[in-house]
């Protein structure tokens, strides 16, 4: 598998965000994650602008894998973006 570049924009209290983190870890993917609700001031504002550019609704989780943006916990789409075949 090629080196996938993944970024997860999440909220610390979001169950779907936690599920996405767990899935990425189970798939042995190195990823950056940003818990937006833990940020403050200009840093938070800048990250929210980044998210809106990827996902105008600014909902969570927003995942960027290489050049693919996935909004929500969508296991099949996440695995496809990572080039992982679904069993079954």
PDB file of N, CA and C in Angstrom:
ATOM      1  N   UNK A   1       0.850  -1.184   0.000  1.00  0.00           N
ATOM      2  CA  UNK A   1       0.000   0.000   0.000  1.00  0.00           C
ATOM      3  C   UNK A   1       0.892   1.242   0.000  1.00  0.00           C
ATOM      4  N   UNK A   2       0.552   2.197  -0.804  1.00  0.00           N
ATOM      5  CA  UNK A   2       1.298   3.452  -0.868  1.00  0.00           C
ATOM      6  C   UNK A   2       1.099   4.224   0.424  1.00  0.00           C
ATOM      7  N   UNK A   3       1.940   5.214   0.626  1.00  0.00           N
ATOM      8  CA  UNK A   3       1.796   6.054   1.806  1.00  0.00           C
ATOM      9  C   UNK A   3       0.578   6.946   1.641  1.00  0.00           C
ATOM     10  N   UNK A   4      -0.471   6.620   2.350  1.00  0.00           N
ATOM     11  CA  UNK A   4      -1.672   7.443   2.289  1.00  0.00           C
ATOM     12  C   UNK A   4      -1.515   8.614   3.241  1.00  0.00           C
ATOM     13  N   UNK A   5      -1.969   9.774   2.795  1.00  0.00           N
ATOM     14  CA  UNK A   5      -1.958  10.966   3.625  1.00  0.00           C
ATOM     15  C   UNK A   5      -3.393  11.207   4.068  1.00  0.00           C
ATOM     16  N   UNK A   6      -3.637  11.037   5.352  1.00  0.00           N
ATOM     17  CA  UNK A   6      -4.993  11.181   5.865  1.00  0.00           C
ATOM     18  C   UNK A   6      -5.033  12.232   6.973  1.00  0.00           C
ATOM     19  N   UNK A   7      -6.098  13.023   6.937  1.00  0.00           N
ATOM     20  CA  UNK A   7      -6.356  14.003   7.993  1.00  0.00           C
ATOM     21  C   UNK A   7      -7.802  13.848   8.418  1.00  0.00           C
ATOM     22  N   UNK A   8      -8.009  13.768   9.715  1.00  0.00           N
ATOM     23  CA  UNK A   8      -9.342  13.641  10.285  1.00  0.00           C
ATOM     24  C   UNK A   8      -9.650  14.904  11.075  1.00  0.00           C
ATOM     25  N   UNK A   9     -10.708  15.585  10.674  1.00  0.00           N
ATOM     26  CA  UNK A   9     -11.214  16.738  11.424  1.00  0.00           C
ATOM     27  C   UNK A   9     -12.376  16.215  12.259  1.00  0.00           C
ATOM     28  N   UNK A  10     -12.251  16.369  13.574  1.00  0.00           N
ATOM     29  CA  UNK A  10     -13.187  15.706  14.473  1.00  0.00           C
ATOM     30  C   UNK A  10     -13.590  16.621  15.628  1.00  0.00           C
ATOM     31  N   UNK A  11     -14.570  16.132  16.379  1.00  0.00           N
ATOM     32  CA  UNK A  11     -14.949  16.735  17.654  1.00  0.00           C
ATOM     33  C   UNK A  11     -14.658  15.708  18.738  1.00  0.00           C
ATOM     34  N   UNK A  12     -14.157  16.140  19.867  1.00  0.00           N
ATOM     35  CA  UNK A  12     -13.746  15.208  20.921  1.00  0.00           C
ATOM     36  C   UNK A  12     -14.925  14.418  21.491  1.00  0.00           C
ATOM     37  N   UNK A  13     -16.132  14.947  21.375  1.00  0.00           N
ATOM     38  CA  UNK A  13     -17.302  14.293  21.959  1.00  0.00           C
ATOM     39  C   UNK A  13     -18.117  13.488  20.950  1.00  0.00           C
ATOM     40  N   UNK A  14     -17.680  13.439  19.696  1.00  0.00           N
ATOM     41  CA  UNK A  14     -18.461  12.838  18.612  1.00  0.00           C
ATOM     42  C   UNK A  14     -18.198  11.332  18.503  1.00  0.00           C
ATOM     43  N   UNK A  15     -19.237  10.528  18.635  1.00  0.00           N
ATOM     44  CA  UNK A  15     -19.062   9.072  18.559  1.00  0.00           C
ATOM     45  C   UNK A  15     -18.651   8.623  17.162  1.00  0.00           C
ATOM     46  N   UNK A  16     -19.151   9.277  16.119  1.00  0.00           N
ATOM     47  CA  UNK A  16     -18.754   8.919  14.753  1.00  0.00           C
ATOM     48  C   UNK A  16     -17.283   9.255  14.517  1.00  0.00           C
ATOM     49  N   UNK A  17     -16.823  10.341  15.117  1.00  0.00           N
ATOM     50  CA  UNK A  17     -15.413  10.722  14.997  1.00  0.00           C
ATOM     51  C   UNK A  17     -14.532   9.679  15.687  1.00  0.00           C
ATOM     52  N   UNK A  18     -14.965   9.210  16.859  1.00  0.00           N
ATOM     53  CA  UNK A  18     -14.208   8.183  17.579  1.00  0.00           C
ATOM     54  C   UNK A  18     -14.179   6.888  16.787  1.00  0.00           C
ATOM     55  N   UNK A  19     -15.287   6.538  16.149  1.00  0.00           N
ATOM     56  CA  UNK A  19     -15.331   5.333  15.319  1.00  0.00           C
ATOM     57  C   UNK A  19     -14.387   5.462  14.126  1.00  0.00           C
ATOM     58  N   UNK A  20     -14.316   6.655  13.553  1.00  0.00           N
ATOM     59  CA  UNK A  20     -13.423   6.883  12.410  1.00  0.00           C
ATOM     60  C   UNK A  20     -11.970   6.742  12.836  1.00  0.00           C
ATOM     61  N   UNK A  21     -11.611   7.304  13.998  1.00  0.00           N
ATOM     62  CA  UNK A  21     -10.244   7.159  14.517  1.00  0.00           C
ATOM     63  C   UNK A  21      -9.899   5.684  14.702  1.00  0.00           C
ATOM     64  N   UNK A  22     -10.846   4.944  15.289  1.00  0.00           N
ATOM     65  CA  UNK A  22     -10.627   3.519  15.541  1.00  0.00           C
ATOM     66  C   UNK A  22     -10.414   2.771  14.217  1.00  0.00           C
ATOM     67  N   UNK A  23     -11.239   3.074  13.208  1.00  0.00           N
ATOM     68  CA  UNK A  23     -11.122   2.417  11.912  1.00  0.00           C
ATOM     69  C   UNK A  23      -9.761   2.717  11.271  1.00  0.00           C
ATOM     70  N   UNK A  24      -9.346   3.968  11.272  1.00  0.00           N
ATOM     71  CA  UNK A  24      -8.058   4.323  10.680  1.00  0.00           C
ATOM     72  C   UNK A  24      -6.915   3.609  11.401  1.00  0.00           C
ATOM     73  N   UNK A  25      -7.012   3.522  12.726  1.00  0.00           N
ATOM     74  CA  UNK A  25      -5.977   2.817  13.490  1.00  0.00           C
ATOM     75  C   UNK A  25      -5.976   1.327  13.165  1.00  0.00           C
ATOM     76  N   UNK A  26      -7.166   0.717  13.075  1.00  0.00           N
ATOM     77  CA  UNK A  26      -7.270  -0.706  12.747  1.00  0.00           C
ATOM     78  C   UNK A  26      -6.706  -1.000  11.356  1.00  0.00           C
ATOM     79  N   UNK A  27      -6.804  -0.020  10.453  1.00  0.00           N
ATOM     80  CA  UNK A  27      -6.287  -0.181   9.087  1.00  0.00           C
ATOM     81  C   UNK A  27      -4.800   0.168   9.010  1.00  0.00           C
ATOM     82  N   UNK A  28      -4.182   0.447  10.173  1.00  0.00           N
ATOM     83  CA  UNK A  28      -2.763   0.795  10.242  1.00  0.00           C
ATOM     84  C   UNK A  28      -2.400   1.989   9.359  1.00  0.00           C
ATOM     85  N   UNK A  29      -3.261   2.985   9.377  1.00  0.00           N
ATOM     86  CA  UNK A  29      -3.033   4.194   8.598  1.00  0.00           C
ATOM     87  C   UNK A  29      -2.493   5.273   9.532  1.00  0.00           C
ATOM     88  N   UNK A  30      -1.398   5.889   9.117  1.00  0.00           N
ATOM     89  CA  UNK A  30      -0.924   7.047   9.866  1.00  0.00           C
ATOM     90  C   UNK A  30      -1.772   8.231   9.445  1.00  0.00           C
ATOM     91  N   UNK A  31      -2.257   8.960  10.403  1.00  0.00           N
ATOM     92  CA  UNK A  31      -3.128  10.085  10.080  1.00  0.00           C
ATOM     93  C   UNK A  31      -2.954  11.191  11.103  1.00  0.00           C
ATOM     94  N   UNK A  32      -3.257  12.394  10.656  1.00  0.00           N
ATOM     95  CA  UNK A  32      -3.301  13.536  11.555  1.00  0.00           C
ATOM     96  C   UNK A  32      -4.760  13.724  11.951  1.00  0.00           C
ATOM     97  N   UNK A  33      -4.990  14.083  13.183  1.00  0.00           N
ATOM     98  CA  UNK A  33      -6.363  14.429  13.542  1.00  0.00           C
ATOM     99  C   UNK A  33      -6.374  15.701  14.358  1.00  0.00           C
ATOM    100  N   UNK A  34      -7.433  16.435  14.124  1.00  0.00           N
ATOM    101  CA  UNK A  34      -7.609  17.718  14.781  1.00  0.00           C
ATOM    102  C   UNK A  34      -8.983  17.705  15.430  1.00  0.00           C
ATOM    103  N   UNK A  35      -8.993  17.827  16.749  1.00  0.00           N
ATOM    104  CA  UNK A  35     -10.269  17.924  17.470  1.00  0.00           C
ATOM    105  C   UNK A  35     -10.591  19.413  17.579  1.00  0.00           C
ATOM    106  N   UNK A  36     -11.492  19.830  16.717  1.00  0.00           N
ATOM    107  CA  UNK A  36     -11.769  21.252  16.528  1.00  0.00           C
ATOM    108  C   UNK A  36     -12.296  21.914  17.795  1.00  0.00           C
ATOM    109  N   UNK A  37     -13.072  21.186  18.582  1.00  0.00           N
ATOM    110  CA  UNK A  37     -13.633  21.789  19.792  1.00  0.00           C
ATOM    111  C   UNK A  37     -12.573  22.038  20.870  1.00  0.00           C
ATOM    112  N   UNK A  38     -11.378  21.486  20.691  1.00  0.00           N
ATOM    113  CA  UNK A  38     -10.286  21.748  21.636  1.00  0.00           C
ATOM    114  C   UNK A  38      -9.462  22.971  21.254  1.00  0.00           C
ATOM    115  N   UNK A  39      -9.727  23.531  20.073  1.00  0.00           N
ATOM    116  CA  UNK A  39      -8.985  24.699  19.603  1.00  0.00           C
ATOM    117  C   UNK A  39      -9.674  25.987  20.050  1.00  0.00           C
ATOM    118  N   UNK A  40      -8.912  27.062  20.027  1.00  0.00           N
ATOM    119  CA  UNK A  40      -9.477  28.361  20.413  1.00  0.00           C
ATOM    120  C   UNK A  40      -8.995  29.449  19.459  1.00  0.00           C
ATOM    121  N   UNK A  41      -9.720  30.525  19.431  1.00  0.00           N
ATOM    122  CA  UNK A  41      -9.298  31.740  18.740  1.00  0.00           C
ATOM    123  C   UNK A  41      -9.011  31.562  17.264  1.00  0.00           C
ATOM    124  N   UNK A  42      -7.904  32.192  16.827  1.00  0.00           N
ATOM    125  CA  UNK A  42      -7.545  32.205  15.413  1.00  0.00           C
ATOM    126  C   UNK A  42      -7.255  30.804  14.880  1.00  0.00           C
ATOM    127  N   UNK A  43      -6.655  29.959  15.718  1.00  0.00           N
ATOM    128  CA  UNK A  43      -6.354  28.587  15.285  1.00  0.00           C
ATOM    129  C   UNK A  43      -7.654  27.857  14.922  1.00  0.00           C
ATOM    130  N   UNK A  44      -8.654  27.983  15.783  1.00  0.00           N
ATOM    131  CA  UNK A  44      -9.942  27.343  15.525  1.00  0.00           C
ATOM    132  C   UNK A  44     -10.598  27.923  14.262  1.00  0.00           C
ATOM    133  N   UNK A  45     -10.551  29.236  14.130  1.00  0.00           N
ATOM    134  CA  UNK A  45     -11.149  29.898  12.975  1.00  0.00           C
ATOM    135  C   UNK A  45     -10.487  29.421  11.674  1.00  0.00           C
ATOM    136  N   UNK A  46      -9.163  29.324  11.685  1.00  0.00           N
ATOM    137  CA  UNK A  46      -8.423  28.888  10.494  1.00  0.00           C
ATOM    138  C   UNK A  46      -8.769  27.444  10.125  1.00  0.00           C
ATOM    139  N   UNK A  47      -8.850  26.575  11.106  1.00  0.00           N
ATOM    140  CA  UNK A  47      -9.187  25.170  10.836  1.00  0.00           C
ATOM    141  C   UNK A  47     -10.610  25.055  10.311  1.00  0.00           C
ATOM    142  N   UNK A  48     -11.542  25.815  10.869  1.00  0.00           N
ATOM    143  CA  UNK A  48     -12.928  25.779  10.385  1.00  0.00           C
ATOM    144  C   UNK A  48     -13.001  26.235   8.927  1.00  0.00           C
ATOM    145  N   UNK A  49     -12.185  27.208   8.548  1.00  0.00           N
ATOM    146  CA  UNK A  49     -12.144  27.634   7.142  1.00  0.00           C
ATOM    147  C   UNK A  49     -11.607  26.506   6.261  1.00  0.00           C
ATOM    148  N   UNK A  50     -10.595  25.786   6.742  1.00  0.00           N
ATOM    149  CA  UNK A  50     -10.061  24.636   5.999  1.00  0.00           C
ATOM    150  C   UNK A  50     -11.141  23.579   5.794  1.00  0.00           C
ATOM    151  N   UNK A  51     -11.891  23.312   6.856  1.00  0.00           N
ATOM    152  CA  UNK A  51     -12.947  22.296   6.773  1.00  0.00           C
ATOM    153  C   UNK A  51     -14.032  22.740   5.798  1.00  0.00           C
ATOM    154  N   UNK A  52     -14.448  24.003   5.874  1.00  0.00           N
ATOM    155  CA  UNK A  52     -15.497  24.511   4.978  1.00  0.00           C
ATOM    156  C   UNK A  52     -15.084  24.409   3.515  1.00  0.00           C
ATOM    157  N   UNK A  53     -13.785  24.532   3.233  1.00  0.00           N
ATOM    158  CA  UNK A  53     -13.301  24.388   1.857  1.00  0.00           C
ATOM    159  C   UNK A  53     -13.481  22.945   1.367  1.00  0.00           C
ATOM    160  N   UNK A  54     -13.373  21.988   2.289  1.00  0.00           N
ATOM    161  CA  UNK A  54     -13.543  20.570   1.948  1.00  0.00           C
ATOM    162  C   UNK A  54     -15.008  20.142   2.025  1.00  0.00           C
ATOM    163  N   UNK A  55     -15.717  20.691   3.000  1.00  0.00           N
ATOM    164  CA  UNK A  55     -17.074  20.280   3.335  1.00  0.00           C
ATOM    165  C   UNK A  55     -17.853  21.522   3.750  1.00  0.00           C
ATOM    166  N   UNK A  56     -18.564  22.148   2.799  1.00  0.00           N
ATOM    167  CA  UNK A  56     -19.258  23.412   3.091  1.00  0.00           C
ATOM    168  C   UNK A  56     -20.229  23.353   4.281  1.00  0.00           C
ATOM    169  N   UNK A  57     -20.752  22.171   4.587  1.00  0.00           N
ATOM    170  CA  UNK A  57     -21.660  22.058   5.743  1.00  0.00           C
ATOM    171  C   UNK A  57     -20.906  22.058   7.063  1.00  0.00           C
ATOM    172  N   UNK A  58     -19.589  21.845   6.980  1.00  0.00           N
ATOM    173  CA  UNK A  58     -18.731  21.870   8.172  1.00  0.00           C
ATOM    174  C   UNK A  58     -19.231  20.897   9.238  1.00  0.00           C
ATOM    175  N   UNK A  59     -19.522  19.670   8.788  1.00  0.00           N
ATOM    176  CA  UNK A  59     -19.991  18.647   9.714  1.00  0.00           C
ATOM    177  C   UNK A  59     -18.855  17.671  10.014  1.00  0.00           C
ATOM    178  N   UNK A  60     -19.071  16.855  11.017  1.00  0.00           N
ATOM    179  CA  UNK A  60     -18.008  15.985  11.510  1.00  0.00           C
ATOM    180  C   UNK A  60     -18.464  14.530  11.556  1.00  0.00           C
ATOM    181  N   UNK A  61     -17.531  13.606  11.356  1.00  0.00           N
ATOM    182  CA  UNK A  61     -16.149  13.837  10.969  1.00  0.00           C
ATOM    183  C   UNK A  61     -16.029  14.207   9.497  1.00  0.00           C
ATOM    184  N   UNK A  62     -15.009  14.974   9.186  1.00  0.00           N
ATOM    185  CA  UNK A  62     -14.607  15.242   7.805  1.00  0.00           C
ATOM    186  C   UNK A  62     -13.226  14.623   7.667  1.00  0.00           C
ATOM    187  N   UNK A  63     -13.080  13.727   6.705  1.00  0.00           N
ATOM    188  CA  UNK A  63     -11.841  13.003   6.514  1.00  0.00           C
ATOM    189  C   UNK A  63     -11.304  13.320   5.127  1.00  0.00           C
ATOM    190  N   UNK A  64     -10.020  13.628   5.055  1.00  0.00           N
ATOM    191  CA  UNK A  64      -9.377  13.811   3.756  1.00  0.00           C
ATOM    192  C   UNK A  64      -8.302  12.744   3.640  1.00  0.00           C
ATOM    193  N   UNK A  65      -8.459  11.875   2.645  1.00  0.00           N
ATOM    194  CA  UNK A  65      -7.481  10.829   2.381  1.00  0.00           C
ATOM    195  C   UNK A  65      -6.935  11.098   0.989  1.00  0.00           C
ATOM    196  N   UNK A  66      -5.659  11.452   0.936  1.00  0.00           N
ATOM    197  CA  UNK A  66      -5.047  11.899  -0.317  1.00  0.00           C
ATOM    198  C   UNK A  66      -5.892  13.051  -0.849  1.00  0.00           C
ATOM    199  N   UNK A  67      -6.547  12.911  -1.997  1.00  0.00           N
ATOM    200  CA  UNK A  67      -7.380  13.997  -2.517  1.00  0.00           C
ATOM    201  C   UNK A  67      -8.867  13.700  -2.393  1.00  0.00           C
ATOM    202  N   UNK A  68      -9.216  12.677  -1.628  1.00  0.00           N
ATOM    203  CA  UNK A  68     -10.619  12.269  -1.469  1.00  0.00           C
ATOM    204  C   UNK A  68     -11.147  12.790  -0.143  1.00  0.00           C
ATOM    205  N   UNK A  69     -12.314  13.422  -0.192  1.00  0.00           N
ATOM    206  CA  UNK A  69     -12.951  13.930   1.024  1.00  0.00           C
ATOM    207  C   UNK A  69     -14.174  13.073   1.321  1.00  0.00           C
ATOM    208  N   UNK A  70     -14.262  12.597   2.552  1.00  0.00           N
ATOM    209  CA  UNK A  70     -15.394  11.786   3.001  1.00  0.00           C
ATOM    210  C   UNK A  70     -15.984  12.486   4.216  1.00  0.00           C
ATOM    211  N   UNK A  71     -17.285  12.687   4.189  1.00  0.00           N
ATOM    212  CA  UNK A  71     -17.970  13.343   5.297  1.00  0.00           C
ATOM    213  C   UNK A  71     -18.809  12.295   6.016  1.00  0.00           C
ATOM    214  N   UNK A  72     -18.561  12.136   7.305  1.00  0.00           N
ATOM    215  CA  UNK A  72     -19.288  11.152   8.092  1.00  0.00           C
ATOM    216  C   UNK A  72     -18.500   9.859   8.207  1.00  0.00           C
ATOM    217  N   UNK A  73     -18.988   8.991   9.088  1.00  0.00           N
ATOM    218  CA  UNK A  73     -18.345   7.690   9.274  1.00  0.00           C
ATOM    219  C   UNK A  73     -18.900   6.740   8.227  1.00  0.00           C
ATOM    220  N   UNK A  74     -18.149   6.578   7.152  1.00  0.00           N
ATOM    221  CA  UNK A  74     -18.566   5.726   6.039  1.00  0.00           C
ATOM    222  C   UNK A  74     -17.453   4.716   5.811  1.00  0.00           C
ATOM    223  N   UNK A  75     -17.535   3.615   6.552  1.00  0.00           N
ATOM    224  CA  UNK A  75     -16.458   2.628   6.572  1.00  0.00           C
ATOM    225  C   UNK A  75     -16.067   2.160   5.170  1.00  0.00           C
ATOM    226  N   UNK A  76     -17.054   1.837   4.347  1.00  0.00           N
ATOM    227  CA  UNK A  76     -16.766   1.322   3.011  1.00  0.00           C
ATOM    228  C   UNK A  76     -16.001   2.357   2.188  1.00  0.00           C
ATOM    229  N   UNK A  77     -16.451   3.613   2.201  1.00  0.00           N
ATOM    230  CA  UNK A  77     -15.786   4.662   1.426  1.00  0.00           C
ATOM    231  C   UNK A  77     -14.375   4.936   1.947  1.00  0.00           C
ATOM    232  N   UNK A  78     -14.220   4.902   3.263  1.00  0.00           N
ATOM    233  CA  UNK A  78     -12.894   5.129   3.850  1.00  0.00           C
ATOM    234  C   UNK A  78     -11.934   4.032   3.399  1.00  0.00           C
ATOM    235  N   UNK A  79     -12.381   2.782   3.482  1.00  0.00           N
ATOM    236  CA  UNK A  79     -11.527   1.669   3.063  1.00  0.00           C
ATOM    237  C   UNK A  79     -11.213   1.741   1.571  1.00  0.00           C
ATOM    238  N   UNK A  80     -12.206   2.106   0.768  1.00  0.00           N
ATOM    239  CA  UNK A  80     -11.963   2.253  -0.672  1.00  0.00           C
ATOM    240  C   UNK A  80     -10.918   3.326  -0.940  1.00  0.00           C
ATOM    241  N   UNK A  81     -11.010   4.446  -0.230  1.00  0.00           N
ATOM    242  CA  UNK A  81     -10.056   5.538  -0.411  1.00  0.00           C
ATOM    243  C   UNK A  81      -8.644   5.107  -0.031  1.00  0.00           C
ATOM    244  N   UNK A  82      -8.564   4.162   0.900  1.00  0.00           N
ATOM    245  CA  UNK A  82      -7.269   3.650   1.343  1.00  0.00           C
ATOM    246  C   UNK A  82      -6.789   2.474   0.493  1.00  0.00           C
ATOM    247  N   UNK A  83      -7.631   2.033  -0.450  1.00  0.00           N
ATOM    248  CA  UNK A  83      -7.264   0.906  -1.301  1.00  0.00           C
ATOM    249  C   UNK A  83      -7.387  -0.428  -0.596  1.00  0.00           C
ATOM    250  N   UNK A  84      -8.238  -0.485   0.419  1.00  0.00           N
ATOM    251  CA  UNK A  84      -8.448  -1.729   1.174  1.00  0.00           C
ATOM    252  C   UNK A  84      -9.689  -2.421   0.630  1.00  0.00           C
ATOM    253  N   UNK A  85      -9.538  -3.660   0.294  1.00  0.00           N
ATOM    254  CA  UNK A  85     -10.676  -4.445  -0.195  1.00  0.00           C
ATOM    255  C   UNK A  85     -11.557  -4.849   0.969  1.00  0.00           C
ATOM    256  N   UNK A  86     -12.859  -4.713   0.781  1.00  0.00           N
ATOM    257  CA  UNK A  86     -13.809  -5.151   1.795  1.00  0.00           C
ATOM    258  C   UNK A  86     -14.011  -6.652   1.684  1.00  0.00           C
ATOM    259  N   UNK A  87     -13.934  -7.322   2.807  1.00  0.00           N
ATOM    260  CA  UNK A  87     -14.178  -8.770   2.808  1.00  0.00           C
ATOM    261  C   UNK A  87     -15.686  -8.990   2.803  1.00  0.00           C
ATOM    262  N   UNK A  88     -16.077 -10.037   2.115  1.00  0.00           N
ATOM    263  CA  UNK A  88     -17.482 -10.415   2.123  1.00  0.00           C
ATOM    264  C   UNK A  88     -18.248  -9.720   1.134  1.00  0.00           C
TER     265      UNK A  88
END
